[in-house]
PDB file of all heavy atoms in Angstrom:
ATOM      1  N   SER A   1      85.133  91.370  87.408  1.00  0.00           N
ATOM      2  CA  SER A   1      86.312  92.148  87.674  1.00  0.00           C
ATOM      3  C   SER A   1      87.169  91.362  88.675  1.00  0.00           C
ATOM      4  O   SER A   1      86.640  90.763  89.615  1.00  0.00           O
ATOM      5  CB  SER A   1      85.930  93.499  88.263  1.00  0.00           C
ATOM      6  OG  SER A   1      87.105  94.266  88.553  1.00  0.00           O
ATOM      7  N   THR A   2      88.460  91.335  88.445  1.00  0.00           N
ATOM      8  CA  THR A   2      89.378  90.587  89.282  1.00  0.00           C
ATOM      9  C   THR A   2      90.412  91.514  89.909  1.00  0.00           C
ATOM     10  O   THR A   2      90.888  92.434  89.219  1.00  0.00           O
ATOM     11  CB  THR A   2      90.074  89.479  88.460  1.00  0.00           C
ATOM     12  OG1 THR A   2      89.090  88.637  87.906  1.00  0.00           O
ATOM     13  CG2 THR A   2      91.026  88.668  89.295  1.00  0.00           C
ATOM     14  N   ASP A   3      90.768  91.243  91.160  1.00  0.00           N
ATOM     15  CA  ASP A   3      91.782  92.036  91.848  1.00  0.00           C
ATOM     16  C   ASP A   3      92.564  91.134  92.790  1.00  0.00           C
ATOM     17  O   ASP A   3      91.990  90.204  93.375  1.00  0.00           O
ATOM     18  CB  ASP A   3      91.172  93.203  92.584  1.00  0.00           C
ATOM     19  CG  ASP A   3      92.187  94.334  92.911  1.00  0.00           C
ATOM     20  OD1 ASP A   3      93.330  94.218  92.455  1.00  0.00           O
ATOM     21  OD2 ASP A   3      91.796  95.284  93.590  1.00  0.00           O
ATOM     22  N   ASP A   4      93.839  91.405  92.939  1.00  0.00           N
ATOM     23  CA  ASP A   4      94.683  90.690  93.911  1.00  0.00           C
ATOM     24  C   ASP A   4      94.887  91.543  95.140  1.00  0.00           C
ATOM     25  O   ASP A   4      95.091  92.766  95.051  1.00  0.00           O
ATOM     26  CB  ASP A   4      96.065  90.382  93.307  1.00  0.00           C
ATOM     27  CG  ASP A   4      96.034  89.371  92.195  1.00  0.00           C
ATOM     28  OD1 ASP A   4      95.151  88.473  92.252  1.00  0.00           O
ATOM     29  OD2 ASP A   4      96.887  89.451  91.294  1.00  0.00           O
ATOM     30  N   ILE A   5      94.840  90.910  96.274  1.00  0.00           N
ATOM     31  CA  ILE A   5      95.178  91.563  97.547  1.00  0.00           C
ATOM     32  C   ILE A   5      96.461  90.916  98.046  1.00  0.00           C
ATOM     33  O   ILE A   5      96.524  89.700  98.222  1.00  0.00           O
ATOM     34  CB  ILE A   5      94.057  91.394  98.605  1.00  0.00           C
ATOM     35  CG1 ILE A   5      92.729  91.916  98.071  1.00  0.00           C
ATOM     36  CG2 ILE A   5      94.471  92.075  99.903  1.00  0.00           C
ATOM     37  CD1 ILE A   5      92.692  93.364  97.788  1.00  0.00           C
ATOM     38  N   THR A   6      97.520  91.711  98.233  1.00  0.00           N
ATOM     39  CA  THR A   6      98.786  91.218  98.711  1.00  0.00           C
ATOM     40  C   THR A   6      98.914  91.515 100.205  1.00  0.00           C
ATOM     41  O   THR A   6      98.636  92.632 100.626  1.00  0.00           O
ATOM     42  CB  THR A   6      99.977  91.901  97.943  1.00  0.00           C
ATOM     43  OG1 THR A   6      99.802  91.641  96.564  1.00  0.00           O
ATOM     44  CG2 THR A   6     101.308  91.351  98.421  1.00  0.00           C
ATOM     45  N   PHE A   7      99.312  90.520 100.973  1.00  0.00           N
ATOM     46  CA  PHE A   7      99.393  90.665 102.433  1.00  0.00           C
ATOM     47  C   PHE A   7     100.826  91.027 102.818  1.00  0.00           C
ATOM     48  O   PHE A   7     101.752  90.363 102.427  1.00  0.00           O
ATOM     49  CB  PHE A   7      98.940  89.387 103.124  1.00  0.00           C
ATOM     50  CG  PHE A   7      97.467  89.161 103.000  1.00  0.00           C
ATOM     51  CD1 PHE A   7      96.895  88.661 101.846  1.00  0.00           C
ATOM     52  CD2 PHE A   7      96.624  89.523 104.047  1.00  0.00           C
ATOM     53  CE1 PHE A   7      95.551  88.489 101.750  1.00  0.00           C
ATOM     54  CE2 PHE A   7      95.256  89.339 103.937  1.00  0.00           C
ATOM     55  CZ  PHE A   7      94.708  88.804 102.787  1.00  0.00           C
ATOM     56  N   ARG A   8     100.929  92.075 103.631  1.00  0.00           N
ATOM     57  CA  ARG A   8     102.228  92.550 104.119  1.00  0.00           C
ATOM     58  C   ARG A   8     102.084  92.823 105.606  1.00  0.00           C
ATOM     59  O   ARG A   8     101.013  92.959 106.134  1.00  0.00           O
ATOM     60  CB  ARG A   8     102.660  93.807 103.409  1.00  0.00           C
ATOM     61  CG  ARG A   8     102.900  93.607 101.936  1.00  0.00           C
ATOM     62  CD  ARG A   8     103.487  94.876 101.303  1.00  0.00           C
ATOM     63  NE  ARG A   8     103.904  94.611  99.949  1.00  0.00           N
ATOM     64  CZ  ARG A   8     103.163  94.886  98.891  1.00  0.00           C
ATOM     65  NH1 ARG A   8     101.967  95.438  99.028  1.00  0.00           N
ATOM     66  NH2 ARG A   8     103.614  94.644  97.683  1.00  0.00           N
ATOM     67  N   ASN A   9     103.204  92.948 106.286  1.00  0.00           N
ATOM     68  CA  ASN A   9     103.230  93.373 107.676  1.00  0.00           C
ATOM     69  C   ASN A   9     103.533  94.857 107.765  1.00  0.00           C
ATOM     70  O   ASN A   9     104.166  95.447 106.888  1.00  0.00           O
ATOM     71  CB  ASN A   9     104.275  92.588 108.457  1.00  0.00           C
ATOM     72  CG  ASN A   9     103.707  91.374 109.158  1.00  0.00           C
ATOM     73  OD1 ASN A   9     102.527  91.345 109.464  1.00  0.00           O
ATOM     74  ND2 ASN A   9     104.506  90.379 109.364  1.00  0.00           N
ATOM     75  N   ASN A  10     103.106  95.462 108.863  1.00  0.00           N
ATOM     76  CA  ASN A  10     103.361  96.865 109.138  1.00  0.00           C
ATOM     77  C   ASN A  10     104.818  97.137 109.433  1.00  0.00           C
ATOM     78  O   ASN A  10     105.533  96.287 109.980  1.00  0.00           O
ATOM     79  CB  ASN A  10     102.525  97.357 110.305  1.00  0.00           C
ATOM     80  CG  ASN A  10     101.096  97.546 109.964  1.00  0.00           C
ATOM     81  OD1 ASN A  10     100.740  97.978 108.890  1.00  0.00           O
ATOM     82  ND2 ASN A  10     100.215  97.225 110.919  1.00  0.00           N
ATOM     83  N   ASN A  11     105.244  98.368 109.160  1.00  0.00           N
ATOM     84  CA  ASN A  11     106.434  98.956 109.746  1.00  0.00           C
ATOM     85  C   ASN A  11     105.915  99.815 110.902  1.00  0.00           C
ATOM     86  O   ASN A  11     104.765 100.318 110.827  1.00  0.00           O
ATOM     87  CB  ASN A  11     107.187  99.835 108.734  1.00  0.00           C
ATOM     88  CG  ASN A  11     107.706  99.054 107.542  1.00  0.00           C
ATOM     89  OD1 ASN A  11     107.708  97.818 107.548  1.00  0.00           O
ATOM     90  ND2 ASN A  11     108.166  99.733 106.517  1.00  0.00           N
ATOM     91  N   TYR A  12     106.711 100.009 111.919  1.00  0.00           N
ATOM     92  CA  TYR A  12     106.277 100.731 113.121  1.00  0.00           C
ATOM     93  C   TYR A  12     107.225 101.877 113.425  1.00  0.00           C
ATOM     94  O   TYR A  12     108.449 101.757 113.243  1.00  0.00           O
ATOM     95  CB  TYR A  12     106.214  99.807 114.326  1.00  0.00           C
ATOM     96  CG  TYR A  12     105.221  98.707 114.194  1.00  0.00           C
ATOM     97  CD1 TYR A  12     105.589  97.433 113.659  1.00  0.00           C
ATOM     98  CD2 TYR A  12     103.896  98.863 114.535  1.00  0.00           C
ATOM     99  CE1 TYR A  12     104.666  96.413 113.520  1.00  0.00           C
ATOM    100  CE2 TYR A  12     102.972  97.861 114.388  1.00  0.00           C
ATOM    101  CZ  TYR A  12     103.343  96.648 113.888  1.00  0.00           C
ATOM    102  OH  TYR A  12     102.424  95.638 113.735  1.00  0.00           O
ATOM    103  N   TYR A  13     106.678 102.978 113.934  1.00  0.00           N
ATOM    104  CA  TYR A  13     107.484 104.117 114.293  1.00  0.00           C
ATOM    105  C   TYR A  13     106.807 104.880 115.416  1.00  0.00           C
ATOM    106  O   TYR A  13     105.579 104.776 115.617  1.00  0.00           O
ATOM    107  CB  TYR A  13     107.720 105.061 113.091  1.00  0.00           C
ATOM    108  CG  TYR A  13     106.473 105.696 112.575  1.00  0.00           C
ATOM    109  CD1 TYR A  13     106.082 106.961 112.940  1.00  0.00           C
ATOM    110  CD2 TYR A  13     105.623 104.993 111.698  1.00  0.00           C
ATOM    111  CE1 TYR A  13     104.908 107.527 112.485  1.00  0.00           C
ATOM    112  CE2 TYR A  13     104.464 105.560 111.231  1.00  0.00           C
ATOM    113  CZ  TYR A  13     104.100 106.825 111.605  1.00  0.00           C
ATOM    114  OH  TYR A  13     102.928 107.378 111.156  1.00  0.00           O
ATOM    115  N   GLY A  14     107.567 105.641 116.189  1.00  0.00           N
ATOM    116  CA  GLY A  14     107.016 106.461 117.256  1.00  0.00           C
ATOM    117  C   GLY A  14     107.959 106.625 118.382  1.00  0.00           C
ATOM    118  O   GLY A  14     109.150 106.299 118.276  1.00  0.00           O
ATOM    119  N   VAL A  15     107.453 107.154 119.501  1.00  0.00           N
ATOM    120  CA  VAL A  15     108.280 107.408 120.668  1.00  0.00           C
ATOM    121  C   VAL A  15     107.807 106.548 121.838  1.00  0.00           C
ATOM    122  O   VAL A  15     106.656 106.173 121.918  1.00  0.00           O
ATOM    123  CB  VAL A  15     108.270 108.912 121.079  1.00  0.00           C
ATOM    124  CG1 VAL A  15     108.836 109.775 119.990  1.00  0.00           C
ATOM    125  CG2 VAL A  15     106.882 109.364 121.453  1.00  0.00           C
ATOM    126  N   SER A  16     108.728 106.217 122.702  1.00  0.00           N
ATOM    127  CA  SER A  16     108.428 105.473 123.894  1.00  0.00           C
ATOM    128  C   SER A  16     109.457 105.776 124.978  1.00  0.00           C
ATOM    129  O   SER A  16     110.635 105.992 124.673  1.00  0.00           O
ATOM    130  CB  SER A  16     108.425 103.972 123.621  1.00  0.00           C
ATOM    131  OG  SER A  16     108.186 103.247 124.794  1.00  0.00           O
ATOM    132  N   SER A  17     109.032 105.756 126.237  1.00  0.00           N
ATOM    133  CA  SER A  17     109.937 105.906 127.350  1.00  0.00           C
ATOM    134  C   SER A  17     110.582 104.570 127.700  1.00  0.00           C
ATOM    135  O   SER A  17     111.513 104.533 128.519  1.00  0.00           O
ATOM    136  CB  SER A  17     109.253 106.494 128.577  1.00  0.00           C
ATOM    137  OG  SER A  17     108.155 105.663 128.933  1.00  0.00           O
ATOM    138  N   ASN A  18     110.140 103.482 127.093  1.00  0.00           N
ATOM    139  CA  ASN A  18     110.746 102.167 127.299  1.00  0.00           C
ATOM    140  C   ASN A  18     112.033 102.127 126.475  1.00  0.00           C
ATOM    141  O   ASN A  18     112.021 102.297 125.261  1.00  0.00           O
ATOM    142  CB  ASN A  18     109.788 101.059 126.805  1.00  0.00           C
ATOM    143  CG  ASN A  18     110.296  99.669 126.996  1.00  0.00           C
ATOM    144  OD1 ASN A  18     111.499  99.455 127.098  1.00  0.00           O
ATOM    145  ND2 ASN A  18     109.378  98.703 127.028  1.00  0.00           N
ATOM    146  N   ALA A  19     113.152 101.916 127.159  1.00  0.00           N
ATOM    147  CA  ALA A  19     114.467 101.966 126.472  1.00  0.00           C
ATOM    148  C   ALA A  19     114.778 100.675 125.725  1.00  0.00           C
ATOM    149  O   ALA A  19     115.823 100.600 125.051  1.00  0.00           O
ATOM    150  CB  ALA A  19     115.564 102.247 127.500  1.00  0.00           C
ATOM    151  N   GLY A  20     113.910  99.683 125.787  1.00  0.00           N
ATOM    152  CA  GLY A  20     114.223  98.407 125.146  1.00  0.00           C
ATOM    153  C   GLY A  20     112.989  97.722 124.585  1.00  0.00           C
ATOM    154  O   GLY A  20     112.701  96.589 124.989  1.00  0.00           O
ATOM    155  N   LEU A  21     112.255  98.337 123.692  1.00  0.00           N
ATOM    156  CA  LEU A  21     111.067  97.727 123.139  1.00  0.00           C
ATOM    157  C   LEU A  21     111.388  96.380 122.528  1.00  0.00           C
ATOM    158  O   LEU A  21     112.462  96.190 121.943  1.00  0.00           O
ATOM    159  CB  LEU A  21     110.433  98.597 122.038  1.00  0.00           C
ATOM    160  CG  LEU A  21     109.771  99.905 122.458  1.00  0.00           C
ATOM    161  CD1 LEU A  21     109.166 100.593 121.226  1.00  0.00           C
ATOM    162  CD2 LEU A  21     108.728  99.696 123.512  1.00  0.00           C
ATOM    163  N   THR A  22     110.455  95.447 122.672  1.00  0.00           N
ATOM    164  CA  THR A  22     110.587  94.131 122.055  1.00  0.00           C
ATOM    165  C   THR A  22     109.416  93.942 121.051  1.00  0.00           C
ATOM    166  O   THR A  22     108.576  94.840 120.914  1.00  0.00           O
ATOM    167  CB  THR A  22     110.526  93.001 123.128  1.00  0.00           C
ATOM    168  OG1 THR A  22     109.279  93.051 123.798  1.00  0.00           O
ATOM    169  CG2 THR A  22     111.683  93.137 124.115  1.00  0.00           C
ATOM    170  N   GLY A  23     109.375  92.791 120.397  1.00  0.00           N
ATOM    171  CA  GLY A  23     108.379  92.536 119.403  1.00  0.00           C
ATOM    172  C   GLY A  23     106.948  92.839 119.824  1.00  0.00           C
ATOM    173  O   GLY A  23     106.235  93.540 119.108  1.00  0.00           O
ATOM    174  N   PRO A  24     106.484  92.342 120.992  1.00  0.00           N
ATOM    175  CA  PRO A  24     105.093  92.607 121.395  1.00  0.00           C
ATOM    176  C   PRO A  24     104.801  94.101 121.637  1.00  0.00           C
ATOM    177  O   PRO A  24     103.674  94.569 121.471  1.00  0.00           O
ATOM    178  CB  PRO A  24     104.943  91.827 122.671  1.00  0.00           C
ATOM    179  CG  PRO A  24     105.968  90.735 122.587  1.00  0.00           C
ATOM    180  CD  PRO A  24     107.124  91.349 121.851  1.00  0.00           C
ATOM    181  N   ASP A  25     105.860  94.882 121.993  1.00  0.00           N
ATOM    182  CA  ASP A  25     105.664  96.309 122.266  1.00  0.00           C
ATOM    183  C   ASP A  25     105.419  97.129 121.027  1.00  0.00           C
ATOM    184  O   ASP A  25     104.948  98.263 121.109  1.00  0.00           O
ATOM    185  CB  ASP A  25     106.916  96.874 122.965  1.00  0.00           C
ATOM    186  CG  ASP A  25     107.233  96.180 124.272  1.00  0.00           C
ATOM    187  OD1 ASP A  25     106.287  95.860 125.031  1.00  0.00           O
ATOM    188  OD2 ASP A  25     108.443  95.923 124.520  1.00  0.00           O
ATOM    189  N   LEU A  26     105.734  96.596 119.837  1.00  0.00           N
ATOM    190  CA  LEU A  26     105.603  97.369 118.622  1.00  0.00           C
ATOM    191  C   LEU A  26     104.169  97.813 118.341  1.00  0.00           C
ATOM    192  O   LEU A  26     103.929  98.841 117.762  1.00  0.00           O
ATOM    193  CB  LEU A  26     106.119  96.572 117.418  1.00  0.00           C
ATOM    194  CG  LEU A  26     107.610  96.226 117.470  1.00  0.00           C
ATOM    195  CD1 LEU A  26     107.979  95.421 116.219  1.00  0.00           C
ATOM    196  CD2 LEU A  26     108.469  97.497 117.609  1.00  0.00           C
ATOM    197  N   LEU A  27     103.207  97.024 118.832  1.00  0.00           N
ATOM    198  CA  LEU A  27     101.791  97.355 118.611  1.00  0.00           C
ATOM    199  C   LEU A  27     101.389  98.670 119.273  1.00  0.00           C
ATOM    200  O   LEU A  27     100.343  99.241 118.953  1.00  0.00           O
ATOM    201  CB  LEU A  27     100.895  96.224 119.075  1.00  0.00           C
ATOM    202  CG  LEU A  27     101.041  94.907 118.284  1.00  0.00           C
ATOM    203  CD1 LEU A  27     100.210  93.809 118.902  1.00  0.00           C
ATOM    204  CD2 LEU A  27     100.653  95.122 116.814  1.00  0.00           C
ATOM    205  N   SER A  28     102.227  99.192 120.206  1.00  0.00           N
ATOM    206  CA  SER A  28     101.924 100.439 120.879  1.00  0.00           C
ATOM    207  C   SER A  28     102.368 101.646 120.046  1.00  0.00           C
ATOM    208  O   SER A  28     102.059 102.784 120.381  1.00  0.00           O
ATOM    209  CB  SER A  28     102.612 100.484 122.245  1.00  0.00           C
ATOM    210  OG  SER A  28     104.030 100.579 122.101  1.00  0.00           O
ATOM    211  N   LEU A  29     103.092 101.416 118.935  1.00  0.00           N
ATOM    212  CA  LEU A  29     103.608 102.481 118.116  1.00  0.00           C
ATOM    213  C   LEU A  29     102.662 102.739 116.932  1.00  0.00           C
ATOM    214  O   LEU A  29     101.717 101.990 116.690  1.00  0.00           O
ATOM    215  CB  LEU A  29     105.000 102.124 117.580  1.00  0.00           C
ATOM    216  CG  LEU A  29     106.087 101.875 118.636  1.00  0.00           C
ATOM    217  CD1 LEU A  29     107.370 101.448 117.941  1.00  0.00           C
ATOM    218  CD2 LEU A  29     106.329 103.145 119.476  1.00  0.00           C
ATOM    219  N   ASN A  30     102.939 103.841 116.175  1.00  0.00           N
ATOM    220  CA  ASN A  30     102.218 104.093 114.954  1.00  0.00           C
ATOM    221  C   ASN A  30     102.689 103.075 113.907  1.00  0.00           C
ATOM    222  O   ASN A  30     103.773 102.510 114.040  1.00  0.00           O
ATOM    223  CB  ASN A  30     102.538 105.509 114.435  1.00  0.00           C
ATOM    224  CG  ASN A  30     102.151 106.575 115.409  1.00  0.00           C
ATOM    225  OD1 ASN A  30     101.043 106.567 115.917  1.00  0.00           O
ATOM    226  ND2 ASN A  30     103.048 107.501 115.653  1.00  0.00           N
ATOM    227  N   SER A  31     101.882 102.873 112.873  1.00  0.00           N
ATOM    228  CA  SER A  31     102.265 101.895 111.858  1.00  0.00           C
ATOM    229  C   SER A  31     101.945 102.386 110.452  1.00  0.00           C
ATOM    230  O   SER A  31     101.095 103.231 110.275  1.00  0.00           O
ATOM    231  CB  SER A  31     101.568 100.576 112.122  1.00  0.00           C
ATOM    232  OG  SER A  31     100.180 100.706 111.988  1.00  0.00           O
ATOM    233  N   ASN A  32     102.705 101.865 109.484  1.00  0.00           N
ATOM    234  CA  ASN A  32     102.405 102.106 108.082  1.00  0.00           C
ATOM    235  C   ASN A  32     102.657 100.778 107.363  1.00  0.00           C
ATOM    236  O   ASN A  32     103.527  99.985 107.757  1.00  0.00           O
ATOM    237  CB  ASN A  32     103.229 103.256 107.499  1.00  0.00           C
ATOM    238  CG  ASN A  32     104.743 102.889 107.362  1.00  0.00           C
ATOM    239  OD1 ASN A  32     105.376 102.555 108.349  1.00  0.00           O
ATOM    240  ND2 ASN A  32     105.269 102.962 106.165  1.00  0.00           N
ATOM    241  N   LEU A  33     101.851 100.549 106.356  1.00  0.00           N
ATOM    242  CA  LEU A  33     101.941  99.315 105.582  1.00  0.00           C
ATOM    243  C   LEU A  33     102.776  99.598 104.352  1.00  0.00           C
ATOM    244  O   LEU A  33     102.457 100.490 103.540  1.00  0.00           O
ATOM    245  CB  LEU A  33     100.520  98.864 105.177  1.00  0.00           C
ATOM    246  CG  LEU A  33     100.385  97.448 104.669  1.00  0.00           C
ATOM    247  CD1 LEU A  33     100.895  96.440 105.668  1.00  0.00           C
ATOM    248  CD2 LEU A  33      98.930  97.188 104.355  1.00  0.00           C
ATOM    249  N   ASP A  34     103.863  98.833 104.185  1.00  0.00           N
ATOM    250  CA  ASP A  34     104.760  99.082 103.059  1.00  0.00           C
ATOM    251  C   ASP A  34     105.431  97.788 102.641  1.00  0.00           C
ATOM    252  O   ASP A  34     105.389  96.819 103.375  1.00  0.00           O
ATOM    253  CB  ASP A  34     105.800 100.126 103.430  1.00  0.00           C
ATOM    254  CG  ASP A  34     106.232 100.963 102.228  1.00  0.00           C
ATOM    255  OD1 ASP A  34     106.158 100.456 101.085  1.00  0.00           O
ATOM    256  OD2 ASP A  34     106.618 102.116 102.435  1.00  0.00           O
ATOM    257  N   SER A  35     106.099  97.812 101.512  1.00  0.00           N
ATOM    258  CA  SER A  35     106.797  96.616 101.009  1.00  0.00           C
ATOM    259  C   SER A  35     108.306  96.772 101.114  1.00  0.00           C
ATOM    260  O   SER A  35     109.049  96.033 100.517  1.00  0.00           O
ATOM    261  CB  SER A  35     106.412  96.354  99.552  1.00  0.00           C
ATOM    262  OG  SER A  35     106.774  97.470  98.755  1.00  0.00           O
ATOM    263  N   ASN A  36     108.760  97.775 101.860  1.00  0.00           N
ATOM    264  CA  ASN A  36     110.188  98.028 102.086  1.00  0.00           C
ATOM    265  C   ASN A  36     110.393  98.774 103.398  1.00  0.00           C
ATOM    266  O   ASN A  36     109.452  99.121 104.060  1.00  0.00           O
ATOM    267  CB  ASN A  36     110.801  98.753 100.885  1.00  0.00           C
ATOM    268  CG  ASN A  36     110.176 100.095 100.663  1.00  0.00           C
ATOM    269  OD1 ASN A  36     110.269 100.969 101.474  1.00  0.00           O
ATOM    270  ND2 ASN A  36     109.519 100.247  99.499  1.00  0.00           N
ATOM    271  N   ARG A  37     111.633  99.100 103.703  1.00  0.00           N
ATOM    272  CA  ARG A  37     111.951  99.778 104.974  1.00  0.00           C
ATOM    273  C   ARG A  37     111.970 101.294 104.830  1.00  0.00           C
ATOM    274  O   ARG A  37     112.021 102.042 105.820  1.00  0.00           O
ATOM    275  CB  ARG A  37     113.259  99.276 105.512  1.00  0.00           C
ATOM    276  CG  ARG A  37     114.466  99.697 104.649  1.00  0.00           C
ATOM    277  CD  ARG A  37     115.805  99.206 105.205  1.00  0.00           C
ATOM    278  NE  ARG A  37     116.849  99.557 104.290  1.00  0.00           N
ATOM    279  CZ  ARG A  37     117.339  98.772 103.337  1.00  0.00           C
ATOM    280  NH1 ARG A  37     116.864  97.535 103.215  1.00  0.00           N
ATOM    281  NH2 ARG A  37     118.284  99.172 102.543  1.00  0.00           N
ATOM    282  N   ASN A  38     111.978 101.825 103.617  1.00  0.00           N
ATOM    283  CA  ASN A  38     112.129 103.280 103.381  1.00  0.00           C
ATOM    284  C   ASN A  38     110.923 104.040 103.885  1.00  0.00           C
ATOM    285  O   ASN A  38     109.768 103.716 103.546  1.00  0.00           O
ATOM    286  CB  ASN A  38     112.333 103.562 101.908  1.00  0.00           C
ATOM    287  CG  ASN A  38     113.541 102.819 101.337  1.00  0.00           C
ATOM    288  OD1 ASN A  38     114.477 102.500 102.070  1.00  0.00           O
ATOM    289  ND2 ASN A  38     113.520 102.562 100.053  1.00  0.00           N
ATOM    290  N   TYR A  39     111.216 105.091 104.694  1.00  0.00           N
ATOM    291  CA  TYR A  39     110.104 105.895 105.224  1.00  0.00           C
ATOM    292  C   TYR A  39     110.687 107.184 105.802  1.00  0.00           C
ATOM    293  O   TYR A  39     111.831 107.184 106.298  1.00  0.00           O
ATOM    294  CB  TYR A  39     109.350 105.103 106.313  1.00  0.00           C
ATOM    295  CG  TYR A  39     108.044 105.679 106.705  1.00  0.00           C
ATOM    296  CD1 TYR A  39     107.012 105.763 105.785  1.00  0.00           C
ATOM    297  CD2 TYR A  39     107.799 106.087 108.006  1.00  0.00           C
ATOM    298  CE1 TYR A  39     105.774 106.290 106.156  1.00  0.00           C
ATOM    299  CE2 TYR A  39     106.549 106.622 108.370  1.00  0.00           C
ATOM    300  CZ  TYR A  39     105.534 106.697 107.429  1.00  0.00           C
ATOM    301  OH  TYR A  39     104.313 107.217 107.791  1.00  0.00           O
ATOM    302  N   SER A  40     109.891 108.235 105.821  1.00  0.00           N
ATOM    303  CA  SER A  40     110.236 109.502 106.449  1.00  0.00           C
ATOM    304  C   SER A  40     109.139 109.868 107.405  1.00  0.00           C
ATOM    305  O   SER A  40     107.966 109.747 107.040  1.00  0.00           O
ATOM    306  CB  SER A  40     110.422 110.600 105.397  1.00  0.00           C
ATOM    307  OG  SER A  40     111.474 110.314 104.535  1.00  0.00           O
ATOM    308  N   PHE A  41     109.514 110.276 108.590  1.00  0.00           N
ATOM    309  CA  PHE A  41     108.499 110.686 109.569  1.00  0.00           C
ATOM    310  C   PHE A  41     109.090 111.715 110.530  1.00  0.00           C
ATOM    311  O   PHE A  41     110.330 111.840 110.681  1.00  0.00           O
ATOM    312  CB  PHE A  41     107.964 109.466 110.341  1.00  0.00           C
ATOM    313  CG  PHE A  41     108.948 108.754 111.203  1.00  0.00           C
ATOM    314  CD1 PHE A  41     109.028 109.021 112.570  1.00  0.00           C
ATOM    315  CD2 PHE A  41     109.823 107.796 110.657  1.00  0.00           C
ATOM    316  CE1 PHE A  41     109.968 108.353 113.384  1.00  0.00           C
ATOM    317  CE2 PHE A  41     110.736 107.136 111.449  1.00  0.00           C
ATOM    318  CZ  PHE A  41     110.797 107.383 112.804  1.00  0.00           C
ATOM    319  N   SER A  42     108.215 112.437 111.170  1.00  0.00           N
ATOM    320  CA  SER A  42     108.631 113.390 112.204  1.00  0.00           C
ATOM    321  C   SER A  42     108.001 112.928 113.504  1.00  0.00           C
ATOM    322  O   SER A  42     106.846 112.497 113.557  1.00  0.00           O
ATOM    323  CB  SER A  42     108.172 114.798 111.892  1.00  0.00           C
ATOM    324  OG  SER A  42     108.850 115.265 110.746  1.00  0.00           O
ATOM    325  N   ASP A  43     108.767 113.101 114.580  1.00  0.00           N
ATOM    326  CA  ASP A  43     108.227 112.752 115.906  1.00  0.00           C
ATOM    327  C   ASP A  43     108.783 113.716 116.905  1.00  0.00           C
ATOM    328  O   ASP A  43     109.748 114.466 116.658  1.00  0.00           O
ATOM    329  CB  ASP A  43     108.594 111.312 116.295  1.00  0.00           C
ATOM    330  CG  ASP A  43     107.350 110.502 116.609  1.00  0.00           C
ATOM    331  OD1 ASP A  43     106.460 111.040 117.293  1.00  0.00           O
ATOM    332  OD2 ASP A  43     107.247 109.368 116.161  1.00  0.00           O
TER     333      ASP A  43
END
């Protein structure tokens, strides 16, 4: 049986009191793995 695994990066969402998150700060947020930017969430 053969299967392909495709590697993607996470999209991130959530709340923070930091008014200027940068790239390293994204790991503190929630994440979802997707192949586009479209997403719906509540916070």
